[in-house]
């Protein structure tokens, strides 16, 4: 997937969630960032008082599970190379001498 396709997918999801919950895309994006694991402090950038007021509205609500999942899925990053290379069956066969299935099945869960 091309970077622009990913950006478009994320933008569409943000707009759709905003329509679902009656919030602006800016509010949805900032709320989503605020709800990420770890310490995340979104930076609010506004050129006008109206934009600032709209952005500050992002602290008035929290996104619910289905909306968070929709945004997380839209923004998911494909690992690509080298992840895909090392997880391919042929490379695992060489790396583990054809024993990956036996080794992996004994791994504690």
C-alpha atoms as a PDB file:
ATOM      1  CA  UNK A   1       0.000   0.000   0.000  1.00  0.00           C
ATOM      2  CA  UNK A   2       1.250   3.443  -0.921  1.00  0.00           C
ATOM      3  CA  UNK A   3       1.608   6.094   1.811  1.00  0.00           C
ATOM      4  CA  UNK A   4      -1.061   8.289   0.191  1.00  0.00           C
ATOM      5  CA  UNK A   5      -3.537   5.389   0.186  1.00  0.00           C
ATOM      6  CA  UNK A   6      -2.975   4.891   3.910  1.00  0.00           C
ATOM      7  CA  UNK A   7      -3.461   8.604   4.613  1.00  0.00           C
ATOM      8  CA  UNK A   8      -6.685   8.602   2.605  1.00  0.00           C
ATOM      9  CA  UNK A   9      -7.932   5.501   4.439  1.00  0.00           C
ATOM     10  CA  UNK A  10      -7.231   7.148   7.818  1.00  0.00           C
ATOM     11  CA  UNK A  11      -8.846  10.436   6.784  1.00  0.00           C
ATOM     12  CA  UNK A  12     -11.986   8.677   5.606  1.00  0.00           C
ATOM     13  CA  UNK A  13     -12.258   6.712   8.850  1.00  0.00           C
ATOM     14  CA  UNK A  14     -11.855   9.894  10.924  1.00  0.00           C
ATOM     15  CA  UNK A  15     -14.583  11.651   8.924  1.00  0.00           C
ATOM     16  CA  UNK A  16     -16.920   8.627   9.153  1.00  0.00           C
ATOM     17  CA  UNK A  17     -16.476   8.319  12.916  1.00  0.00           C
ATOM     18  CA  UNK A  18     -17.095  12.062  13.268  1.00  0.00           C
ATOM     19  CA  UNK A  19     -20.363  11.747  11.358  1.00  0.00           C
ATOM     20  CA  UNK A  20     -21.382   8.747  13.505  1.00  0.00           C
ATOM     21  CA  UNK A  21     -20.889  10.611  16.780  1.00  0.00           C
ATOM     22  CA  UNK A  22     -21.657  14.178  15.722  1.00  0.00           C
ATOM     23  CA  UNK A  23     -18.113  15.526  16.121  1.00  0.00           C
ATOM     24  CA  UNK A  24     -15.732  17.280  13.763  1.00  0.00           C
ATOM     25  CA  UNK A  25     -12.858  15.333  12.191  1.00  0.00           C
ATOM     26  CA  UNK A  26     -10.397  17.460  14.184  1.00  0.00           C
ATOM     27  CA  UNK A  27     -12.095  16.532  17.437  1.00  0.00           C
ATOM     28  CA  UNK A  28     -12.120  12.845  16.516  1.00  0.00           C
ATOM     29  CA  UNK A  29      -8.441  12.853  15.543  1.00  0.00           C
ATOM     30  CA  UNK A  30      -7.372  14.627  18.734  1.00  0.00           C
ATOM     31  CA  UNK A  31      -9.549  12.416  20.953  1.00  0.00           C
ATOM     32  CA  UNK A  32      -8.167   9.322  19.238  1.00  0.00           C
ATOM     33  CA  UNK A  33      -4.600  10.462  19.849  1.00  0.00           C
ATOM     34  CA  UNK A  34      -5.422  11.278  23.457  1.00  0.00           C
ATOM     35  CA  UNK A  35      -6.713   7.735  24.001  1.00  0.00           C
ATOM     36  CA  UNK A  36      -3.600   5.960  22.684  1.00  0.00           C
ATOM     37  CA  UNK A  37      -1.628   3.810  25.142  1.00  0.00           C
ATOM     38  CA  UNK A  38       1.281   5.471  26.879  1.00  0.00           C
ATOM     39  CA  UNK A  39       1.764   9.155  27.324  1.00  0.00           C
ATOM     40  CA  UNK A  40       0.390  10.971  24.310  1.00  0.00           C
ATOM     41  CA  UNK A  41      -0.158  14.705  24.390  1.00  0.00           C
ATOM     42  CA  UNK A  42      -1.674  15.946  21.147  1.00  0.00           C
ATOM     43  CA  UNK A  43      -0.550  19.371  20.079  1.00  0.00           C
ATOM     44  CA  UNK A  44      -3.449  21.599  19.177  1.00  0.00           C
ATOM     45  CA  UNK A  45      -2.673  23.888  16.292  1.00  0.00           C
ATOM     46  CA  UNK A  46      -5.166  26.543  15.307  1.00  0.00           C
ATOM     47  CA  UNK A  47      -5.055  29.672  13.197  1.00  0.00           C
ATOM     48  CA  UNK A  48      -8.384  31.033  14.331  1.00  0.00           C
ATOM     49  CA  UNK A  49     -10.371  31.215  17.563  1.00  0.00           C
ATOM     50  CA  UNK A  50     -13.051  29.020  15.968  1.00  0.00           C
ATOM     51  CA  UNK A  51     -10.479  26.304  15.192  1.00  0.00           C
ATOM     52  CA  UNK A  52      -9.128  26.476  18.740  1.00  0.00           C
ATOM     53  CA  UNK A  53     -12.631  26.179  20.202  1.00  0.00           C
ATOM     54  CA  UNK A  54     -13.386  23.223  17.923  1.00  0.00           C
ATOM     55  CA  UNK A  55     -10.124  21.472  18.814  1.00  0.00           C
ATOM     56  CA  UNK A  56     -10.691  21.960  22.541  1.00  0.00           C
ATOM     57  CA  UNK A  57     -13.998  20.130  22.105  1.00  0.00           C
ATOM     58  CA  UNK A  58     -11.944  16.957  21.754  1.00  0.00           C
ATOM     59  CA  UNK A  59     -11.578  16.717  25.549  1.00  0.00           C
ATOM     60  CA  UNK A  60     -15.351  16.670  26.085  1.00  0.00           C
ATOM     61  CA  UNK A  61     -15.791  13.044  24.978  1.00  0.00           C
ATOM     62  CA  UNK A  62     -14.076   9.697  24.618  1.00  0.00           C
ATOM     63  CA  UNK A  63     -14.282   7.360  21.677  1.00  0.00           C
ATOM     64  CA  UNK A  64     -15.974   4.022  22.287  1.00  0.00           C
ATOM     65  CA  UNK A  65     -14.678   0.565  21.345  1.00  0.00           C
ATOM     66  CA  UNK A  66     -16.121   0.228  17.824  1.00  0.00           C
ATOM     67  CA  UNK A  67     -14.898   3.674  16.822  1.00  0.00           C
ATOM     68  CA  UNK A  68     -11.447   3.099  18.310  1.00  0.00           C
ATOM     69  CA  UNK A  69     -11.176  -0.230  16.485  1.00  0.00           C
ATOM     70  CA  UNK A  70     -12.231   1.389  13.218  1.00  0.00           C
ATOM     71  CA  UNK A  71      -9.550   4.067  13.544  1.00  0.00           C
ATOM     72  CA  UNK A  72      -6.893   1.613  14.713  1.00  0.00           C
ATOM     73  CA  UNK A  73      -7.604  -0.675  11.771  1.00  0.00           C
ATOM     74  CA  UNK A  74      -7.518   2.201   9.282  1.00  0.00           C
ATOM     75  CA  UNK A  75      -4.139   3.339  10.626  1.00  0.00           C
ATOM     76  CA  UNK A  76      -2.580  -0.107  11.000  1.00  0.00           C
ATOM     77  CA  UNK A  77       0.952  -0.221   9.632  1.00  0.00           C
ATOM     78  CA  UNK A  78       1.927  -3.164   7.481  1.00  0.00           C
ATOM     79  CA  UNK A  79       5.296  -4.455   8.743  1.00  0.00           C
ATOM     80  CA  UNK A  80       6.673  -5.078   5.233  1.00  0.00           C
ATOM     81  CA  UNK A  81      10.334  -5.972   4.729  1.00  0.00           C
ATOM     82  CA  UNK A  82      12.178  -7.486   6.593  1.00  0.00           C
ATOM     83  CA  UNK A  83       9.262  -8.810   8.697  1.00  0.00           C
ATOM     84  CA  UNK A  84       7.481 -10.410   5.762  1.00  0.00           C
ATOM     85  CA  UNK A  85      10.744 -11.931   4.526  1.00  0.00           C
ATOM     86  CA  UNK A  86      11.630 -13.549   7.868  1.00  0.00           C
ATOM     87  CA  UNK A  87       8.127 -14.856   8.478  1.00  0.00           C
ATOM     88  CA  UNK A  88       7.841 -16.471   5.047  1.00  0.00           C
ATOM     89  CA  UNK A  89       7.618 -20.242   5.098  1.00  0.00           C
ATOM     90  CA  UNK A  90      10.747 -20.825   2.989  1.00  0.00           C
ATOM     91  CA  UNK A  91      12.957 -18.608   5.187  1.00  0.00           C
ATOM     92  CA  UNK A  92      11.578 -20.212   8.354  1.00  0.00           C
ATOM     93  CA  UNK A  93      12.369 -23.583   6.814  1.00  0.00           C
ATOM     94  CA  UNK A  94      16.011 -22.600   6.292  1.00  0.00           C
ATOM     95  CA  UNK A  95      16.327 -20.844   9.633  1.00  0.00           C
ATOM     96  CA  UNK A  96      14.850 -23.635  11.724  1.00  0.00           C
ATOM     97  CA  UNK A  97      15.979 -26.589   9.598  1.00  0.00           C
ATOM     98  CA  UNK A  98      12.395 -27.530   8.817  1.00  0.00           C
ATOM     99  CA  UNK A  99      11.589 -27.812  12.536  1.00  0.00           C
ATOM    100  CA  UNK A 100       9.696 -24.527  13.084  1.00  0.00           C
ATOM    101  CA  UNK A 101       6.320 -26.215  13.570  1.00  0.00           C
ATOM    102  CA  UNK A 102       7.745 -28.537  16.211  1.00  0.00           C
ATOM    103  CA  UNK A 103       9.613 -25.729  17.985  1.00  0.00           C
ATOM    104  CA  UNK A 104       6.707 -23.279  17.830  1.00  0.00           C
ATOM    105  CA  UNK A 105       4.184 -25.805  19.139  1.00  0.00           C
ATOM    106  CA  UNK A 106       6.239 -26.246  22.346  1.00  0.00           C
ATOM    107  CA  UNK A 107       6.408 -22.533  23.095  1.00  0.00           C
ATOM    108  CA  UNK A 108       4.620 -21.598  26.337  1.00  0.00           C
ATOM    109  CA  UNK A 109       1.435 -19.583  25.861  1.00  0.00           C
END
